[in-house]
Amino acid sequence: MAGVNSTLILLEGSGKSSSLKVLNHSAVVIRGNVVSRPVLYFLLIVLALRVESMSAVVFQGNDMQGSSIVFLSSESSYIYYNSWLQLSGNLCRESPSDAFAFFYPEANLRDSTVSVSGNRFASSTITPVMLQIDSISSDLTNGAIVAACNTVNGEEGVKCVIPSAYNTNILTCSDPCAPATSCFPAYTTTASSDGCACTCAEG
């Protein structure tokens, strides 16, 4: 890597194709990476992101220094048909200057969930943006965004910049449902009367 102007993972594509397609009970997991110097982007998805048909993208447990944006989808994202995008348990030793996760211009959600939970910022002089979506999607059929227990120096103090048309739930660390944000809805079943616990579904 060249340093502060570099991108750690660059997913491109050509023409009208997608940069990343995760389809039909598949998963892409980016987990447990340690980045020892600042970068511009940790993950840059240049063309469309498509996660469809009980599939998942998981960005979890990564340890990084400063960046402009950690997770950037720079063309429309499509998360459809009981699928899931999870950004959880990551550590930023310096807060991103723009946003942790940025979906530009929109995130299309159909019967699917974006979950952003348990991420930690170790230092910041500003209120960091956890999740930003620029535009309203025309396809938000039973889609949801959940942000839970994202902290700065151990305290809750991040913000989300999301148009009000999105079905967004912001949970504090003390909310009993916060741990359940790590459950992939398509493969879990609620086990508690309040719907806040989950276990693996049969099969």
N, C-alpha and C. Protein backbone atom coordinates (compact mmCIF):
# COMPACT_ATOMS: atom_id res chain seq x y z
N MET A 1 0.83 -1.19 0.00
CA MET A 1 0.00 0.00 0.00
C MET A 1 0.87 1.25 0.00
N ALA A 2 0.35 2.28 -0.65
CA ALA A 2 1.11 3.52 -0.76
C ALA A 2 0.89 4.46 0.40
N GLY A 3 -0.06 4.14 1.28
CA GLY A 3 -0.28 4.99 2.44
C GLY A 3 -1.63 5.67 2.41
N VAL A 4 -1.67 6.95 2.84
CA VAL A 4 -2.94 7.61 3.11
C VAL A 4 -3.81 7.79 1.88
N ASN A 5 -3.28 7.70 0.67
CA ASN A 5 -4.09 7.82 -0.54
C ASN A 5 -4.39 6.48 -1.18
N SER A 6 -4.19 5.40 -0.46
CA SER A 6 -4.35 4.07 -1.03
C SER A 6 -5.69 3.45 -0.64
N THR A 7 -6.05 2.40 -1.36
CA THR A 7 -7.24 1.61 -1.08
C THR A 7 -6.80 0.18 -0.81
N LEU A 8 -7.22 -0.37 0.31
CA LEU A 8 -6.77 -1.71 0.69
C LEU A 8 -7.42 -2.77 -0.20
N ILE A 9 -8.74 -2.73 -0.35
CA ILE A 9 -9.46 -3.69 -1.19
C ILE A 9 -10.27 -2.90 -2.22
N LEU A 10 -9.95 -3.08 -3.49
CA LEU A 10 -10.62 -2.36 -4.57
C LEU A 10 -11.34 -3.37 -5.45
N LEU A 11 -12.67 -3.24 -5.52
CA LEU A 11 -13.49 -4.10 -6.37
C LEU A 11 -14.03 -3.26 -7.51
N GLU A 12 -13.61 -3.56 -8.73
CA GLU A 12 -13.99 -2.74 -9.86
C GLU A 12 -15.10 -3.40 -10.67
N GLY A 13 -14.82 -3.79 -11.91
CA GLY A 13 -15.85 -4.30 -12.81
C GLY A 13 -15.70 -3.62 -14.14
N SER A 14 -16.61 -3.91 -15.06
CA SER A 14 -16.53 -3.29 -16.38
C SER A 14 -17.93 -3.05 -16.92
N GLY A 15 -18.05 -2.00 -17.74
CA GLY A 15 -19.33 -1.70 -18.38
C GLY A 15 -20.44 -1.52 -17.37
N LYS A 16 -21.52 -2.26 -17.58
CA LYS A 16 -22.68 -2.17 -16.70
C LYS A 16 -22.74 -3.33 -15.71
N SER A 17 -21.63 -4.01 -15.51
CA SER A 17 -21.61 -5.12 -14.57
C SER A 17 -21.54 -4.61 -13.14
N SER A 18 -21.68 -5.53 -12.21
CA SER A 18 -21.54 -5.21 -10.80
C SER A 18 -20.11 -5.48 -10.35
N SER A 19 -19.66 -4.74 -9.37
CA SER A 19 -18.34 -5.01 -8.80
C SER A 19 -18.36 -6.24 -7.91
N LEU A 20 -19.49 -6.46 -7.24
CA LEU A 20 -19.60 -7.60 -6.34
C LEU A 20 -21.02 -8.13 -6.37
N LYS A 21 -21.16 -9.43 -6.70
CA LYS A 21 -22.44 -10.12 -6.65
C LYS A 21 -22.32 -11.28 -5.68
N VAL A 22 -23.22 -11.33 -4.72
CA VAL A 22 -23.28 -12.43 -3.77
C VAL A 22 -24.70 -12.97 -3.84
N LEU A 23 -24.87 -14.15 -4.44
CA LEU A 23 -26.19 -14.63 -4.83
C LEU A 23 -26.45 -16.05 -4.33
N ASN A 24 -27.73 -16.34 -4.07
CA ASN A 24 -28.20 -17.72 -3.87
C ASN A 24 -27.48 -18.46 -2.73
N HIS A 25 -27.77 -18.03 -1.51
CA HIS A 25 -27.26 -18.69 -0.31
C HIS A 25 -25.73 -18.64 -0.21
N SER A 26 -25.16 -17.53 -0.65
CA SER A 26 -23.71 -17.37 -0.60
C SER A 26 -23.32 -16.28 0.40
N ALA A 27 -22.04 -16.19 0.69
CA ALA A 27 -21.56 -15.17 1.62
C ALA A 27 -20.15 -14.73 1.24
N VAL A 28 -19.88 -13.46 1.47
CA VAL A 28 -18.53 -12.92 1.40
C VAL A 28 -18.21 -12.36 2.78
N VAL A 29 -17.13 -12.82 3.36
CA VAL A 29 -16.76 -12.43 4.72
C VAL A 29 -15.37 -11.80 4.69
N ILE A 30 -15.27 -10.57 5.21
CA ILE A 30 -13.99 -9.87 5.36
C ILE A 30 -13.79 -9.69 6.85
N ARG A 31 -12.90 -10.46 7.42
CA ARG A 31 -12.84 -10.55 8.89
C ARG A 31 -11.40 -10.64 9.38
N GLY A 32 -11.15 -9.95 10.51
CA GLY A 32 -9.91 -10.16 11.24
C GLY A 32 -8.66 -9.58 10.62
N ASN A 33 -8.81 -8.57 9.77
CA ASN A 33 -7.64 -7.94 9.17
C ASN A 33 -7.09 -6.83 10.06
N VAL A 34 -5.78 -6.66 10.06
CA VAL A 34 -5.12 -5.59 10.81
C VAL A 34 -4.40 -4.69 9.82
N VAL A 35 -4.76 -3.42 9.81
CA VAL A 35 -4.16 -2.44 8.91
C VAL A 35 -3.33 -1.48 9.75
N SER A 36 -2.03 -1.44 9.52
CA SER A 36 -1.11 -0.74 10.42
C SER A 36 -0.87 0.72 10.06
N ARG A 37 -1.43 1.19 8.94
CA ARG A 37 -1.23 2.59 8.56
C ARG A 37 -2.52 3.16 7.99
N PRO A 38 -2.67 4.48 7.98
CA PRO A 38 -3.89 5.08 7.43
C PRO A 38 -4.03 4.79 5.94
N VAL A 39 -5.29 4.67 5.50
CA VAL A 39 -5.59 4.48 4.08
C VAL A 39 -6.73 5.43 3.70
N LEU A 40 -6.93 5.59 2.41
CA LEU A 40 -8.06 6.40 1.96
C LEU A 40 -9.37 5.63 2.15
N TYR A 41 -9.40 4.40 1.63
CA TYR A 41 -10.55 3.51 1.79
C TYR A 41 -10.04 2.12 2.18
N PHE A 42 -10.74 1.48 3.08
CA PHE A 42 -10.45 0.07 3.38
C PHE A 42 -11.04 -0.79 2.27
N LEU A 43 -12.31 -0.60 1.95
CA LEU A 43 -12.99 -1.35 0.90
C LEU A 43 -13.74 -0.38 0.00
N LEU A 44 -13.42 -0.39 -1.29
CA LEU A 44 -14.09 0.46 -2.27
C LEU A 44 -14.75 -0.43 -3.32
N ILE A 45 -16.08 -0.35 -3.40
CA ILE A 45 -16.85 -1.07 -4.40
C ILE A 45 -17.24 -0.05 -5.46
N VAL A 46 -16.62 -0.13 -6.63
CA VAL A 46 -16.74 0.93 -7.63
C VAL A 46 -18.09 0.90 -8.33
N LEU A 47 -18.51 -0.29 -8.79
CA LEU A 47 -19.80 -0.42 -9.45
C LEU A 47 -20.81 -1.03 -8.48
N ALA A 48 -21.93 -1.49 -8.99
CA ALA A 48 -23.03 -1.90 -8.11
C ALA A 48 -22.64 -3.06 -7.20
N LEU A 49 -23.21 -3.04 -6.01
CA LEU A 49 -23.14 -4.15 -5.06
C LEU A 49 -24.49 -4.86 -5.07
N ARG A 50 -24.48 -6.18 -5.30
CA ARG A 50 -25.71 -6.96 -5.29
C ARG A 50 -25.58 -8.13 -4.32
N VAL A 51 -26.48 -8.16 -3.35
CA VAL A 51 -26.54 -9.25 -2.39
C VAL A 51 -27.98 -9.75 -2.43
N GLU A 52 -28.19 -10.97 -2.92
CA GLU A 52 -29.55 -11.42 -3.21
C GLU A 52 -29.76 -12.88 -2.81
N SER A 53 -31.02 -13.18 -2.47
CA SER A 53 -31.49 -14.55 -2.28
C SER A 53 -30.78 -15.26 -1.13
N MET A 54 -31.09 -14.79 0.08
CA MET A 54 -30.56 -15.38 1.31
C MET A 54 -29.04 -15.43 1.33
N SER A 55 -28.44 -14.32 0.95
CA SER A 55 -26.98 -14.20 0.93
C SER A 55 -26.52 -13.09 1.87
N ALA A 56 -25.23 -13.01 2.10
CA ALA A 56 -24.72 -12.06 3.09
C ALA A 56 -23.35 -11.53 2.71
N VAL A 57 -23.10 -10.29 3.09
CA VAL A 57 -21.77 -9.70 3.11
C VAL A 57 -21.48 -9.31 4.55
N VAL A 58 -20.38 -9.80 5.09
CA VAL A 58 -20.03 -9.56 6.49
C VAL A 58 -18.66 -8.89 6.54
N PHE A 59 -18.59 -7.74 7.19
CA PHE A 59 -17.34 -7.00 7.39
C PHE A 59 -17.18 -6.89 8.90
N GLN A 60 -16.31 -7.70 9.47
CA GLN A 60 -16.35 -7.91 10.92
C GLN A 60 -14.95 -8.06 11.51
N GLY A 61 -14.77 -7.45 12.69
CA GLY A 61 -13.57 -7.69 13.48
C GLY A 61 -12.29 -7.22 12.85
N ASN A 62 -12.34 -6.17 12.05
CA ASN A 62 -11.14 -5.62 11.44
C ASN A 62 -10.58 -4.49 12.30
N ASP A 63 -9.27 -4.37 12.34
CA ASP A 63 -8.56 -3.39 13.18
C ASP A 63 -7.80 -2.46 12.25
N MET A 64 -8.12 -1.17 12.30
CA MET A 64 -7.53 -0.26 11.31
C MET A 64 -7.17 1.08 11.91
N GLN A 65 -6.32 1.80 11.19
CA GLN A 65 -5.94 3.16 11.57
C GLN A 65 -6.92 4.13 10.91
N GLY A 66 -6.49 5.35 10.64
CA GLY A 66 -7.37 6.35 10.07
C GLY A 66 -7.70 6.09 8.61
N SER A 67 -8.80 6.69 8.14
CA SER A 67 -9.22 6.59 6.75
C SER A 67 -10.19 7.72 6.45
N SER A 68 -10.47 7.89 5.17
CA SER A 68 -11.55 8.79 4.78
C SER A 68 -12.89 8.08 4.97
N ILE A 69 -13.01 6.91 4.35
CA ILE A 69 -14.19 6.06 4.48
C ILE A 69 -13.70 4.62 4.59
N VAL A 70 -14.27 3.87 5.49
CA VAL A 70 -13.86 2.47 5.65
C VAL A 70 -14.53 1.60 4.58
N PHE A 71 -15.84 1.68 4.47
CA PHE A 71 -16.61 0.83 3.55
C PHE A 71 -17.39 1.75 2.62
N LEU A 72 -17.00 1.80 1.34
CA LEU A 72 -17.63 2.71 0.38
C LEU A 72 -18.20 1.92 -0.79
N SER A 73 -19.51 2.01 -0.96
CA SER A 73 -20.18 1.51 -2.15
C SER A 73 -20.54 2.73 -2.99
N SER A 74 -19.81 2.92 -4.10
CA SER A 74 -19.89 4.20 -4.82
C SER A 74 -20.88 4.19 -5.97
N GLU A 75 -21.63 3.10 -6.11
CA GLU A 75 -22.77 3.07 -7.02
C GLU A 75 -23.90 2.39 -6.26
N SER A 76 -25.09 2.39 -6.80
CA SER A 76 -26.24 1.86 -6.06
C SER A 76 -25.99 0.44 -5.55
N SER A 77 -26.48 0.19 -4.33
CA SER A 77 -26.40 -1.14 -3.73
C SER A 77 -27.79 -1.78 -3.74
N TYR A 78 -27.82 -3.09 -3.97
CA TYR A 78 -29.08 -3.82 -4.02
C TYR A 78 -28.98 -5.00 -3.07
N ILE A 79 -29.74 -4.96 -2.01
CA ILE A 79 -29.74 -6.02 -1.01
C ILE A 79 -31.16 -6.55 -0.96
N TYR A 80 -31.35 -7.73 -1.53
CA TYR A 80 -32.69 -8.23 -1.86
C TYR A 80 -32.94 -9.64 -1.33
N TYR A 81 -34.22 -9.93 -1.07
CA TYR A 81 -34.72 -11.28 -0.85
C TYR A 81 -34.04 -11.99 0.32
N ASN A 82 -34.33 -11.50 1.51
CA ASN A 82 -33.84 -12.12 2.74
C ASN A 82 -32.31 -12.19 2.80
N SER A 83 -31.70 -11.09 2.43
CA SER A 83 -30.24 -11.01 2.49
C SER A 83 -29.80 -10.00 3.54
N TRP A 84 -28.50 -9.87 3.70
CA TRP A 84 -27.98 -9.19 4.90
C TRP A 84 -26.62 -8.58 4.61
N LEU A 85 -26.44 -7.38 5.06
CA LEU A 85 -25.12 -6.74 5.06
C LEU A 85 -24.80 -6.36 6.49
N GLN A 86 -23.75 -6.93 7.04
CA GLN A 86 -23.39 -6.69 8.43
C GLN A 86 -22.01 -6.07 8.52
N LEU A 87 -21.93 -4.95 9.24
CA LEU A 87 -20.66 -4.30 9.56
C LEU A 87 -20.58 -4.26 11.08
N SER A 88 -19.78 -5.12 11.67
CA SER A 88 -19.84 -5.23 13.13
C SER A 88 -18.48 -5.53 13.75
N GLY A 89 -18.32 -5.06 14.98
CA GLY A 89 -17.16 -5.41 15.78
C GLY A 89 -15.83 -4.94 15.24
N ASN A 90 -15.83 -3.86 14.46
CA ASN A 90 -14.60 -3.32 13.91
C ASN A 90 -14.02 -2.24 14.82
N LEU A 91 -12.71 -2.09 14.79
CA LEU A 91 -12.02 -1.08 15.60
C LEU A 91 -11.31 -0.09 14.70
N CYS A 92 -11.67 1.18 14.82
CA CYS A 92 -10.96 2.27 14.14
C CYS A 92 -10.15 3.02 15.19
N ARG A 93 -8.84 2.93 15.11
CA ARG A 93 -8.00 3.59 16.11
C ARG A 93 -7.97 5.10 15.92
N GLU A 94 -8.42 5.55 14.77
CA GLU A 94 -8.68 6.96 14.52
C GLU A 94 -9.95 7.03 13.68
N SER A 95 -10.87 7.91 14.03
CA SER A 95 -12.16 7.95 13.35
C SER A 95 -12.01 8.33 11.88
N PRO A 96 -12.80 7.71 10.99
CA PRO A 96 -12.79 8.12 9.58
C PRO A 96 -13.17 9.59 9.44
N SER A 97 -12.54 10.28 8.52
CA SER A 97 -12.79 11.71 8.37
C SER A 97 -14.14 12.00 7.74
N ASP A 98 -14.66 11.06 6.93
CA ASP A 98 -15.96 11.27 6.28
C ASP A 98 -17.05 10.39 6.88
N ALA A 99 -16.88 9.10 6.79
CA ALA A 99 -17.88 8.18 7.35
C ALA A 99 -17.26 6.79 7.46
N PHE A 100 -17.80 6.00 8.37
CA PHE A 100 -17.37 4.60 8.46
C PHE A 100 -17.90 3.83 7.25
N ALA A 101 -19.20 3.90 7.02
CA ALA A 101 -19.81 3.24 5.87
C ALA A 101 -20.62 4.27 5.08
N PHE A 102 -20.42 4.28 3.76
CA PHE A 102 -21.06 5.28 2.91
C PHE A 102 -21.63 4.56 1.69
N PHE A 103 -22.96 4.66 1.53
CA PHE A 103 -23.63 4.10 0.36
C PHE A 103 -24.04 5.26 -0.54
N TYR A 104 -23.43 5.31 -1.73
CA TYR A 104 -23.71 6.40 -2.66
C TYR A 104 -24.22 5.81 -3.97
N PRO A 105 -25.27 6.33 -4.56
CA PRO A 105 -26.11 7.36 -3.93
C PRO A 105 -27.17 6.80 -3.01
N GLU A 106 -27.43 5.45 -3.10
CA GLU A 106 -28.56 4.89 -2.37
C GLU A 106 -28.30 3.43 -2.03
N ALA A 107 -29.13 2.92 -1.13
CA ALA A 107 -29.15 1.49 -0.83
C ALA A 107 -30.57 1.00 -1.04
N ASN A 108 -30.74 0.08 -1.98
CA ASN A 108 -32.05 -0.50 -2.26
C ASN A 108 -32.22 -1.74 -1.40
N LEU A 109 -33.27 -1.79 -0.61
CA LEU A 109 -33.48 -2.88 0.33
C LEU A 109 -34.84 -3.51 0.09
N ARG A 110 -34.85 -4.80 -0.17
CA ARG A 110 -36.11 -5.52 -0.37
C ARG A 110 -36.08 -6.77 0.49
N ASP A 111 -36.91 -6.79 1.54
CA ASP A 111 -36.96 -7.93 2.46
C ASP A 111 -35.58 -8.26 3.02
N SER A 112 -34.80 -7.24 3.32
CA SER A 112 -33.42 -7.46 3.75
C SER A 112 -32.99 -6.42 4.78
N THR A 113 -31.82 -6.62 5.36
CA THR A 113 -31.37 -5.80 6.48
C THR A 113 -29.92 -5.37 6.31
N VAL A 114 -29.65 -4.13 6.68
CA VAL A 114 -28.28 -3.64 6.87
C VAL A 114 -28.09 -3.45 8.37
N SER A 115 -27.10 -4.11 8.94
CA SER A 115 -26.84 -4.04 10.37
C SER A 115 -25.45 -3.47 10.63
N VAL A 116 -25.38 -2.42 11.43
CA VAL A 116 -24.12 -1.77 11.78
C VAL A 116 -24.04 -1.74 13.30
N SER A 117 -23.22 -2.59 13.88
CA SER A 117 -23.28 -2.73 15.34
C SER A 117 -21.92 -3.04 15.95
N GLY A 118 -21.75 -2.56 17.18
CA GLY A 118 -20.57 -2.91 17.97
C GLY A 118 -19.25 -2.43 17.41
N ASN A 119 -19.28 -1.39 16.59
CA ASN A 119 -18.04 -0.83 16.05
C ASN A 119 -17.49 0.23 17.01
N ARG A 120 -16.17 0.31 17.11
CA ARG A 120 -15.54 1.20 18.09
C ARG A 120 -14.58 2.16 17.41
N PHE A 121 -14.68 3.41 17.81
CA PHE A 121 -13.73 4.43 17.40
C PHE A 121 -12.90 4.79 18.62
N ALA A 122 -11.57 4.64 18.52
CA ALA A 122 -10.71 4.83 19.69
C ALA A 122 -10.38 6.28 19.96
N SER A 123 -10.43 7.14 18.95
CA SER A 123 -10.17 8.55 19.19
C SER A 123 -10.88 9.37 18.14
N SER A 124 -11.32 10.56 18.54
CA SER A 124 -12.01 11.43 17.59
C SER A 124 -12.12 12.82 18.17
N THR A 125 -11.94 13.81 17.32
CA THR A 125 -12.14 15.20 17.74
C THR A 125 -13.48 15.72 17.26
N ILE A 126 -14.19 14.90 16.47
CA ILE A 126 -15.51 15.26 15.98
C ILE A 126 -16.46 14.10 16.25
N THR A 127 -17.75 14.33 16.03
CA THR A 127 -18.72 13.25 16.13
C THR A 127 -18.67 12.45 14.84
N PRO A 128 -18.16 11.24 14.87
CA PRO A 128 -18.00 10.49 13.63
C PRO A 128 -19.33 10.02 13.05
N VAL A 129 -19.36 9.92 11.73
CA VAL A 129 -20.54 9.41 11.02
C VAL A 129 -20.37 7.90 10.87
N MET A 130 -21.28 7.17 11.47
CA MET A 130 -21.22 5.71 11.39
C MET A 130 -21.70 5.20 10.04
N LEU A 131 -22.83 5.73 9.59
CA LEU A 131 -23.44 5.27 8.34
C LEU A 131 -24.06 6.46 7.63
N GLN A 132 -23.75 6.59 6.33
CA GLN A 132 -24.32 7.67 5.53
C GLN A 132 -24.87 7.10 4.23
N ILE A 133 -26.11 7.52 3.92
CA ILE A 133 -26.75 7.20 2.64
C ILE A 133 -27.23 8.52 2.07
N ASP A 134 -26.84 8.82 0.85
CA ASP A 134 -27.12 10.15 0.29
C ASP A 134 -28.55 10.33 -0.17
N SER A 135 -29.11 9.33 -0.86
CA SER A 135 -30.38 9.54 -1.56
C SER A 135 -31.44 8.54 -1.11
N ILE A 136 -32.70 8.90 -1.37
CA ILE A 136 -33.82 8.03 -1.06
C ILE A 136 -33.94 6.98 -2.16
N SER A 137 -34.08 5.74 -1.77
CA SER A 137 -34.27 4.66 -2.72
C SER A 137 -35.73 4.56 -3.13
N SER A 138 -35.97 4.12 -4.35
CA SER A 138 -37.33 3.86 -4.81
C SER A 138 -37.78 2.45 -4.47
N ASP A 139 -36.88 1.66 -3.89
CA ASP A 139 -37.19 0.27 -3.56
C ASP A 139 -36.79 -0.02 -2.12
N LEU A 140 -37.74 0.15 -1.23
CA LEU A 140 -37.51 -0.09 0.19
C LEU A 140 -38.60 -1.01 0.74
N THR A 141 -38.90 -2.07 0.03
CA THR A 141 -39.97 -2.98 0.39
C THR A 141 -39.52 -3.90 1.53
N ASN A 142 -40.03 -3.65 2.72
CA ASN A 142 -39.70 -4.46 3.90
C ASN A 142 -38.19 -4.51 4.17
N GLY A 143 -37.52 -3.42 3.87
CA GLY A 143 -36.10 -3.32 4.18
C GLY A 143 -35.88 -2.58 5.48
N ALA A 144 -34.78 -2.88 6.16
CA ALA A 144 -34.51 -2.25 7.45
C ALA A 144 -33.02 -1.97 7.61
N ILE A 145 -32.74 -0.91 8.36
CA ILE A 145 -31.38 -0.58 8.77
C ILE A 145 -31.35 -0.55 10.29
N VAL A 146 -30.39 -1.25 10.87
CA VAL A 146 -30.25 -1.29 12.32
C VAL A 146 -28.84 -0.85 12.69
N ALA A 147 -28.74 0.13 13.57
CA ALA A 147 -27.45 0.58 14.10
C ALA A 147 -27.50 0.44 15.61
N ALA A 148 -26.54 -0.28 16.18
CA ALA A 148 -26.61 -0.57 17.61
C ALA A 148 -25.23 -0.52 18.25
N CYS A 149 -25.14 0.22 19.35
CA CYS A 149 -23.98 0.21 20.24
C CYS A 149 -22.66 0.44 19.50
N ASN A 150 -22.63 1.50 18.70
CA ASN A 150 -21.38 1.95 18.08
C ASN A 150 -20.83 3.08 18.94
N THR A 151 -19.55 3.01 19.32
CA THR A 151 -19.04 3.89 20.37
C THR A 151 -17.77 4.64 19.98
N VAL A 152 -17.55 5.74 20.68
CA VAL A 152 -16.32 6.53 20.57
C VAL A 152 -15.67 6.57 21.95
N ASN A 153 -14.45 6.05 22.05
CA ASN A 153 -13.75 6.01 23.34
C ASN A 153 -14.62 5.39 24.43
N GLY A 154 -15.35 4.35 24.06
CA GLY A 154 -16.17 3.62 25.02
C GLY A 154 -17.52 4.23 25.31
N GLU A 155 -17.83 5.35 24.70
CA GLU A 155 -19.11 6.00 24.95
C GLU A 155 -19.89 6.15 23.65
N GLU A 156 -21.20 6.14 23.78
CA GLU A 156 -22.04 6.31 22.60
C GLU A 156 -21.97 7.76 22.14
N GLY A 157 -21.69 7.97 20.86
CA GLY A 157 -21.55 9.34 20.39
C GLY A 157 -21.32 9.43 18.90
N VAL A 158 -21.82 8.44 18.15
CA VAL A 158 -21.71 8.49 16.69
C VAL A 158 -23.05 8.90 16.12
N LYS A 159 -23.06 9.25 14.84
CA LYS A 159 -24.32 9.63 14.21
C LYS A 159 -24.49 8.91 12.89
N CYS A 160 -25.74 8.83 12.45
CA CYS A 160 -26.08 8.27 11.15
C CYS A 160 -26.74 9.36 10.32
N VAL A 161 -26.36 9.44 9.05
CA VAL A 161 -26.94 10.42 8.14
C VAL A 161 -27.70 9.64 7.07
N ILE A 162 -28.99 9.46 7.31
CA ILE A 162 -29.82 8.58 6.49
C ILE A 162 -31.15 9.27 6.22
N PRO A 163 -31.62 9.32 4.98
CA PRO A 163 -32.94 9.91 4.71
C PRO A 163 -34.04 9.22 5.52
N SER A 164 -35.03 9.99 5.92
CA SER A 164 -36.07 9.49 6.81
C SER A 164 -36.94 8.41 6.16
N ALA A 165 -36.91 8.29 4.84
CA ALA A 165 -37.72 7.27 4.17
C ALA A 165 -37.26 5.85 4.50
N TYR A 166 -36.01 5.70 4.91
CA TYR A 166 -35.50 4.38 5.28
C TYR A 166 -36.05 3.98 6.64
N ASN A 167 -36.34 2.70 6.79
CA ASN A 167 -36.79 2.15 8.07
C ASN A 167 -35.55 1.91 8.93
N THR A 168 -35.21 2.90 9.75
CA THR A 168 -33.97 2.87 10.51
C THR A 168 -34.25 2.74 12.00
N ASN A 169 -33.56 1.81 12.65
CA ASN A 169 -33.66 1.63 14.10
C ASN A 169 -32.29 1.87 14.72
N ILE A 170 -32.23 2.82 15.64
CA ILE A 170 -30.99 3.13 16.35
C ILE A 170 -31.12 2.61 17.77
N LEU A 171 -30.25 1.68 18.16
CA LEU A 171 -30.32 1.08 19.49
C LEU A 171 -29.09 1.46 20.30
N THR A 172 -29.31 1.73 21.58
CA THR A 172 -28.21 2.04 22.48
C THR A 172 -27.57 0.74 22.98
N CYS A 173 -26.43 0.87 23.63
CA CYS A 173 -25.75 -0.32 24.15
C CYS A 173 -26.56 -1.00 25.25
N SER A 174 -27.39 -0.24 25.95
CA SER A 174 -28.18 -0.81 27.03
C SER A 174 -29.47 -1.46 26.54
N ASP A 175 -29.80 -1.29 25.29
CA ASP A 175 -31.02 -1.87 24.75
C ASP A 175 -30.89 -3.40 24.74
N PRO A 176 -31.86 -4.11 25.31
CA PRO A 176 -31.75 -5.57 25.35
C PRO A 176 -31.72 -6.23 23.98
N CYS A 177 -32.16 -5.49 22.97
CA CYS A 177 -32.16 -6.06 21.61
C CYS A 177 -30.85 -5.83 20.87
N ALA A 178 -29.93 -5.06 21.44
CA ALA A 178 -28.69 -4.75 20.74
C ALA A 178 -27.91 -6.00 20.33
N PRO A 179 -27.78 -7.03 21.20
CA PRO A 179 -27.02 -8.21 20.77
C PRO A 179 -27.62 -8.92 19.57
N ALA A 180 -28.94 -8.82 19.39
CA ALA A 180 -29.59 -9.54 18.30
C ALA A 180 -29.31 -8.94 16.94
N THR A 181 -28.68 -7.78 16.90
CA THR A 181 -28.36 -7.19 15.60
C THR A 181 -27.30 -7.99 14.85
N SER A 182 -26.65 -8.93 15.53
CA SER A 182 -25.67 -9.78 14.87
C SER A 182 -26.29 -11.05 14.31
N CYS A 183 -27.60 -11.18 14.41
CA CYS A 183 -28.30 -12.36 13.89
C CYS A 183 -28.70 -12.15 12.44
N PHE A 184 -28.35 -13.08 11.59
CA PHE A 184 -28.76 -13.04 10.19
C PHE A 184 -30.21 -13.52 10.11
N PRO A 185 -31.16 -12.64 9.82
CA PRO A 185 -32.58 -13.00 9.91
C PRO A 185 -32.97 -14.23 9.10
N ALA A 186 -32.37 -14.43 7.94
CA ALA A 186 -32.78 -15.55 7.09
C ALA A 186 -32.41 -16.91 7.67
N TYR A 187 -31.43 -16.95 8.58
CA TYR A 187 -30.96 -18.22 9.11
C TYR A 187 -31.11 -18.33 10.62
N THR A 188 -31.90 -17.47 11.21
CA THR A 188 -32.11 -17.55 12.65
C THR A 188 -33.60 -17.51 12.95
N THR A 189 -33.93 -17.91 14.15
CA THR A 189 -35.30 -17.85 14.61
C THR A 189 -35.31 -17.22 15.98
N THR A 190 -36.28 -16.36 16.26
CA THR A 190 -36.33 -15.72 17.57
C THR A 190 -36.64 -16.76 18.63
N ALA A 191 -36.00 -16.60 19.78
CA ALA A 191 -36.14 -17.58 20.84
C ALA A 191 -36.74 -16.99 22.11
N SER A 192 -36.77 -15.67 22.23
CA SER A 192 -37.28 -15.05 23.44
C SER A 192 -38.60 -14.35 23.16
N SER A 193 -39.37 -14.14 24.21
CA SER A 193 -40.69 -13.54 24.05
C SER A 193 -40.63 -12.11 23.52
N ASP A 194 -39.52 -11.40 23.80
CA ASP A 194 -39.41 -10.03 23.32
C ASP A 194 -38.78 -9.94 21.93
N GLY A 195 -38.44 -11.09 21.36
CA GLY A 195 -37.88 -11.09 20.01
C GLY A 195 -36.44 -10.64 19.94
N CYS A 196 -35.77 -10.53 21.08
CA CYS A 196 -34.42 -9.96 21.09
C CYS A 196 -33.31 -11.00 21.13
N ALA A 197 -33.65 -12.25 21.23
CA ALA A 197 -32.64 -13.30 21.20
C ALA A 197 -32.84 -14.14 19.96
N CYS A 198 -31.77 -14.76 19.50
CA CYS A 198 -31.91 -15.57 18.29
C CYS A 198 -31.09 -16.84 18.41
N THR A 199 -31.55 -17.87 17.73
CA THR A 199 -30.82 -19.12 17.64
C THR A 199 -30.81 -19.54 16.18
N CYS A 200 -29.93 -20.46 15.84
CA CYS A 200 -29.86 -20.92 14.45
C CYS A 200 -31.14 -21.64 14.07
N ALA A 201 -31.63 -21.36 12.88
CA ALA A 201 -32.79 -22.07 12.38
C ALA A 201 -32.42 -23.50 12.04
N GLU A 202 -33.40 -24.38 12.00
CA GLU A 202 -33.14 -25.78 11.66
C GLU A 202 -32.55 -25.87 10.26
N GLY A 203 -31.55 -26.75 10.12
CA GLY A 203 -30.92 -26.92 8.81
C GLY A 203 -29.77 -26.00 8.57
